[in-house]
C-alpha atoms as a PDB file:
ATOM      1  CA  MET A   1     184.043  -0.428 189.327  1.00  0.00           C
ATOM      2  CA  ALA A   2     184.196  -3.435 187.017  1.00  0.00           C
ATOM      3  CA  THR A   3     186.247  -3.104 183.837  1.00  0.00           C
ATOM      4  CA  ARG A   4     184.257  -2.970 180.615  1.00  0.00           C
ATOM      5  CA  HIS A   5     185.470  -5.236 177.814  1.00  0.00           C
ATOM      6  CA  LYS A   6     185.522  -4.446 174.092  1.00  0.00           C
ATOM      7  CA  ALA A   7     187.088  -6.151 171.094  1.00  0.00           C
ATOM      8  CA  GLY A   8     187.596  -5.162 167.482  1.00  0.00           C
ATOM      9  CA  ILE A   9     189.144  -5.880 164.104  1.00  0.00           C
ATOM     10  CA  LEU A  10     191.452  -3.429 162.317  1.00  0.00           C
ATOM     11  CA  LEU A  11     191.124  -4.389 158.656  1.00  0.00           C
ATOM     12  CA  TYR A  12     193.924  -3.160 156.396  1.00  0.00           C
ATOM     13  CA  ARG A  13     194.830  -3.293 152.725  1.00  0.00           C
ATOM     14  CA  ARG A  14     197.598  -2.079 150.467  1.00  0.00           C
ATOM     15  CA  ALA A  15     196.648   0.646 148.002  1.00  0.00           C
ATOM     16  CA  ALA A  16     197.869   0.617 144.397  1.00  0.00           C
ATOM     17  CA  ASP A  17     200.878   2.743 145.404  1.00  0.00           C
ATOM     18  CA  GLY A  18     201.776   0.297 148.187  1.00  0.00           C
ATOM     19  CA  ALA A  19     200.584   2.540 151.023  1.00  0.00           C
ATOM     20  CA  VAL A  20     198.677   0.856 153.835  1.00  0.00           C
ATOM     21  CA  GLU A  21     195.061   1.875 154.403  1.00  0.00           C
ATOM     22  CA  VAL A  22     192.829   0.919 157.328  1.00  0.00           C
ATOM     23  CA  LEU A  23     189.056   0.581 157.479  1.00  0.00           C
ATOM     24  CA  ILE A  24     187.601   2.855 160.153  1.00  0.00           C
ATOM     25  CA  GLY A  25     184.204   4.363 160.878  1.00  0.00           C
ATOM     26  CA  HIS A  26     183.065   7.856 161.823  1.00  0.00           C
ATOM     27  CA  ARG A  27     181.069   7.617 165.024  1.00  0.00           C
ATOM     28  CA  GLY A  28     177.378   8.284 164.633  1.00  0.00           C
ATOM     29  CA  GLY A  29     175.111  10.265 166.890  1.00  0.00           C
ATOM     30  CA  PRO A  30     174.739  13.939 167.698  1.00  0.00           C
ATOM     31  CA  SER A  31     178.005  14.265 169.640  1.00  0.00           C
ATOM     32  CA  TYR A  32     180.089  13.734 166.486  1.00  0.00           C
ATOM     33  CA  VAL A  33     178.182  15.830 163.930  1.00  0.00           C
ATOM     34  CA  GLY A  34     180.580  18.254 162.246  1.00  0.00           C
ATOM     35  CA  ARG A  35     183.644  16.675 163.871  1.00  0.00           C
ATOM     36  CA  ASP A  36     186.314  14.731 162.016  1.00  0.00           C
ATOM     37  CA  GLU A  37     189.538  14.542 164.012  1.00  0.00           C
ATOM     38  CA  ARG A  38     189.427  12.073 166.924  1.00  0.00           C
ATOM     39  CA  SER A  39     185.901  11.061 165.884  1.00  0.00           C
ATOM     40  CA  TRP A  40     186.631   7.810 164.042  1.00  0.00           C
ATOM     41  CA  SER A  41     186.949   4.332 165.487  1.00  0.00           C
ATOM     42  CA  ILE A  42     188.117   0.826 164.763  1.00  0.00           C
ATOM     43  CA  PRO A  43     185.045  -1.414 164.315  1.00  0.00           C
ATOM     44  CA  LYS A  44     184.590  -2.824 167.809  1.00  0.00           C
ATOM     45  CA  GLY A  45     182.065  -3.435 170.522  1.00  0.00           C
ATOM     46  CA  GLY A  46     181.419  -4.602 174.020  1.00  0.00           C
ATOM     47  CA  HIS A  47     181.298  -8.146 175.293  1.00  0.00           C
ATOM     48  CA  ALA A  48     180.847  -9.990 178.568  1.00  0.00           C
ATOM     49  CA  PRO A  49     184.065 -10.715 180.521  1.00  0.00           C
ATOM     50  CA  ASP A  50     183.601 -14.461 180.000  1.00  0.00           C
ATOM     51  CA  ASP A  51     183.005 -14.173 176.216  1.00  0.00           C
ATOM     52  CA  ASP A  52     185.843 -15.104 173.879  1.00  0.00           C
ATOM     53  CA  PRO A  53     187.256 -11.692 172.851  1.00  0.00           C
ATOM     54  CA  PHE A  54     188.211 -12.847 169.342  1.00  0.00           C
ATOM     55  CA  ASP A  55     184.701 -14.165 168.669  1.00  0.00           C
ATOM     56  CA  ALA A  56     183.313 -10.886 170.010  1.00  0.00           C
ATOM     57  CA  ALA A  57     185.637  -8.889 167.732  1.00  0.00           C
ATOM     58  CA  ARG A  58     184.387 -10.737 164.647  1.00  0.00           C
ATOM     59  CA  ARG A  59     180.751 -10.371 165.723  1.00  0.00           C
ATOM     60  CA  GLU A  60     181.137  -6.652 166.416  1.00  0.00           C
ATOM     61  CA  PHE A  61     182.875  -6.066 163.070  1.00  0.00           C
ATOM     62  CA  GLU A  62     179.883  -7.620 161.341  1.00  0.00           C
ATOM     63  CA  GLU A  63     177.426  -5.494 163.346  1.00  0.00           C
ATOM     64  CA  GLU A  64     179.291  -2.245 162.731  1.00  0.00           C
ATOM     65  CA  VAL A  65     180.326  -2.786 159.100  1.00  0.00           C
ATOM     66  CA  GLY A  66     177.460  -4.949 157.870  1.00  0.00           C
ATOM     67  CA  CYS A  67     179.479  -7.906 156.587  1.00  0.00           C
ATOM     68  CA  SER A  68     181.716 -10.622 157.942  1.00  0.00           C
ATOM     69  CA  VAL A  69     185.456  -9.987 158.109  1.00  0.00           C
ATOM     70  CA  PRO A  70     186.874 -10.683 154.616  1.00  0.00           C
ATOM     71  CA  ALA A  71     190.019 -12.336 155.976  1.00  0.00           C
ATOM     72  CA  THR A  72     191.215 -15.582 157.507  1.00  0.00           C
ATOM     73  CA  ASP A  73     194.587 -14.663 159.012  1.00  0.00           C
ATOM     74  CA  PHE A  74     194.505 -12.480 162.099  1.00  0.00           C
ATOM     75  CA  VAL A  75     197.318 -10.882 164.072  1.00  0.00           C
ATOM     76  CA  PRO A  76     196.718  -9.940 167.712  1.00  0.00           C
ATOM     77  CA  LEU A  77     197.592  -6.287 168.303  1.00  0.00           C
ATOM     78  CA  GLY A  78     197.187  -6.596 172.047  1.00  0.00           C
ATOM     79  CA  GLU A  79     195.109  -4.424 174.280  1.00  0.00           C
ATOM     80  CA  VAL A  80     194.748  -0.878 175.538  1.00  0.00           C
ATOM     81  CA  ASP A  81     193.330  -0.353 179.000  1.00  0.00           C
ATOM     82  CA  THR A  82     191.755   3.004 179.741  1.00  0.00           C
ATOM     83  CA  ARG A  83     188.337   2.904 181.356  1.00  0.00           C
ATOM     84  CA  THR A  84     187.643   0.004 179.019  1.00  0.00           C
ATOM     85  CA  LEU A  85     189.853  -2.962 178.146  1.00  0.00           C
ATOM     86  CA  LEU A  86     190.012  -2.958 174.333  1.00  0.00           C
ATOM     87  CA  ARG A  87     191.574  -5.902 172.473  1.00  0.00           C
ATOM     88  CA  VAL A  88     192.178  -5.621 168.733  1.00  0.00           C
ATOM     89  CA  TRP A  89     193.237  -7.995 165.960  1.00  0.00           C
ATOM     90  CA  ALA A  90     194.506  -6.910 162.543  1.00  0.00           C
ATOM     91  CA  ALA A  91     193.622  -8.668 159.312  1.00  0.00           C
ATOM     92  CA  GLU A  92     194.491  -7.970 155.698  1.00  0.00           C
ATOM     93  CA  GLY A  93     191.438  -7.924 153.486  1.00  0.00           C
ATOM     94  CA  ASP A  94     189.304  -5.774 151.250  1.00  0.00           C
ATOM     95  CA  LEU A  95     185.693  -4.750 151.001  1.00  0.00           C
ATOM     96  CA  ASP A  96     183.716  -1.998 149.323  1.00  0.00           C
ATOM     97  CA  ALA A  97     183.345   0.690 151.988  1.00  0.00           C
ATOM     98  CA  ALA A  98     180.583   2.319 149.922  1.00  0.00           C
ATOM     99  CA  THR A  99     178.330  -0.702 150.479  1.00  0.00           C
ATOM    100  CA  ALA A 100     179.156  -1.099 154.175  1.00  0.00           C
ATOM    101  CA  HIS A 101     176.272  -0.323 156.516  1.00  0.00           C
ATOM    102  CA  SER A 102     176.379   0.082 160.245  1.00  0.00           C
ATOM    103  CA  GLY A 103     174.063  -1.093 162.960  1.00  0.00           C
ATOM    104  CA  THR A 104     172.180   1.377 165.137  1.00  0.00           C
ATOM    105  CA  PHE A 105     171.906   2.407 168.771  1.00  0.00           C
ATOM    106  CA  GLN A 106     169.326   4.337 170.753  1.00  0.00           C
ATOM    107  CA  LEU A 107     170.035   7.513 172.676  1.00  0.00           C
ATOM    108  CA  GLU A 108     167.916  10.036 174.526  1.00  0.00           C
ATOM    109  CA  TRP A 109     168.589  13.306 172.690  1.00  0.00           C
ATOM    110  CA  PRO A 110     168.749  15.994 173.742  1.00  0.00           C
ATOM    111  CA  PRO A 111     169.614  14.770 177.235  1.00  0.00           C
ATOM    112  CA  GLY A 112     166.647  15.038 179.589  1.00  0.00           C
ATOM    113  CA  SER A 113     164.160  15.399 176.711  1.00  0.00           C
ATOM    114  CA  LYS A 114     162.725  11.883 177.144  1.00  0.00           C
ATOM    115  CA  ARG A 115     162.919  11.560 173.341  1.00  0.00           C
ATOM    116  CA  VAL A 116     164.800   8.431 172.387  1.00  0.00           C
ATOM    117  CA  ARG A 117     166.196   8.462 168.881  1.00  0.00           C
ATOM    118  CA  GLU A 118     167.997   5.882 166.811  1.00  0.00           C
ATOM    119  CA  TYR A 119     171.423   6.638 165.343  1.00  0.00           C
ATOM    120  CA  LEU A 120     173.906   4.734 163.193  1.00  0.00           C
ATOM    121  CA  GLU A 121     176.902   3.379 165.114  1.00  0.00           C
ATOM    122  CA  PHE A 122     179.006   4.642 162.179  1.00  0.00           C
ATOM    123  CA  ASP A 123     177.581   7.309 159.880  1.00  0.00           C
ATOM    124  CA  ARG A 124     180.532   6.847 157.472  1.00  0.00           C
ATOM    125  CA  ILE A 125     182.909   3.958 156.857  1.00  0.00           C
ATOM    126  CA  ALA A 126     186.057   4.556 154.816  1.00  0.00           C
ATOM    127  CA  TRP A 127     189.491   3.312 153.844  1.00  0.00           C
ATOM    128  CA  VAL A 128     191.976   5.812 155.251  1.00  0.00           C
ATOM    129  CA  PRO A 129     195.784   5.993 154.844  1.00  0.00           C
ATOM    130  CA  LEU A 130     197.690   5.355 158.087  1.00  0.00           C
ATOM    131  CA  THR A 131     198.918   8.947 158.349  1.00  0.00           C
ATOM    132  CA  GLU A 132     195.376  10.286 158.088  1.00  0.00           C
ATOM    133  CA  ALA A 133     194.030   7.609 160.433  1.00  0.00           C
ATOM    134  CA  ARG A 134     196.417   8.880 163.125  1.00  0.00           C
ATOM    135  CA  ARG A 135     194.518  12.196 163.145  1.00  0.00           C
ATOM    136  CA  LYS A 136     191.050  10.737 162.781  1.00  0.00           C
ATOM    137  CA  LEU A 137     191.073   7.853 165.263  1.00  0.00           C
ATOM    138  CA  LEU A 138     190.120   8.279 168.875  1.00  0.00           C
ATOM    139  CA  GLU A 139     193.342   9.004 170.779  1.00  0.00           C
ATOM    140  CA  THR A 140     193.163   5.752 172.769  1.00  0.00           C
ATOM    141  CA  GLN A 141     193.165   3.683 169.554  1.00  0.00           C
ATOM    142  CA  VAL A 142     196.232   5.179 167.834  1.00  0.00           C
ATOM    143  CA  ALA A 143     198.507   2.661 169.595  1.00  0.00           C
ATOM    144  CA  PHE A 144     196.968  -0.069 167.428  1.00  0.00           C
ATOM    145  CA  LEU A 145     198.216   1.730 164.297  1.00  0.00           C
ATOM    146  CA  ASP A 146     201.742   1.704 165.758  1.00  0.00           C
ATOM    147  CA  ARG A 147     201.449  -2.014 166.473  1.00  0.00           C
ATOM    148  CA  LEU A 148     200.136  -2.705 162.970  1.00  0.00           C
ATOM    149  CA  GLN A 149     203.083  -0.807 161.459  1.00  0.00           C
ATOM    150  CA  GLN A 150     205.516  -2.791 163.630  1.00  0.00           C
ATOM    151  CA  HIS A 151     203.923  -6.036 162.477  1.00  0.00           C
ATOM    152  CA  LEU A 152     204.100  -5.029 158.811  1.00  0.00           C
ATOM    153  CA  ALA A 153     207.743  -3.963 159.166  1.00  0.00           C
ATOM    154  CA  GLY A 154     208.342  -7.519 160.331  1.00  0.00           C
END
């Protein structure tokens, strides 16, 4: 089976008290209704194997958050390879999460019903402290928080 490729941007900022917060989104669709822990994701998306992953990460951020990445300096956080090869870059920047708006996807729901519905990729987008993000993020993405902390510790 061919490996699927995804790329994303982990935007971070420093709160007034100096704590680091990251911008993450709660996954949309019926599978995540009423769930909070392990139901949030770094803004990311799929791309063709021959696409430039960094360009794909920026494009997918814009699709999932509704604006371009408000940063110019990016730090590669490497990749995680599960069933999908996910590459992530970190960038320090700020945006108003309340005005962020996600793209949509279509899904047959309930399965087998032949009714295709449209759902938001993220039904909520929020700035979350690192400690809270560790509980909220999908398990496979937590490694990127560790790498961000290592980078910030310098």
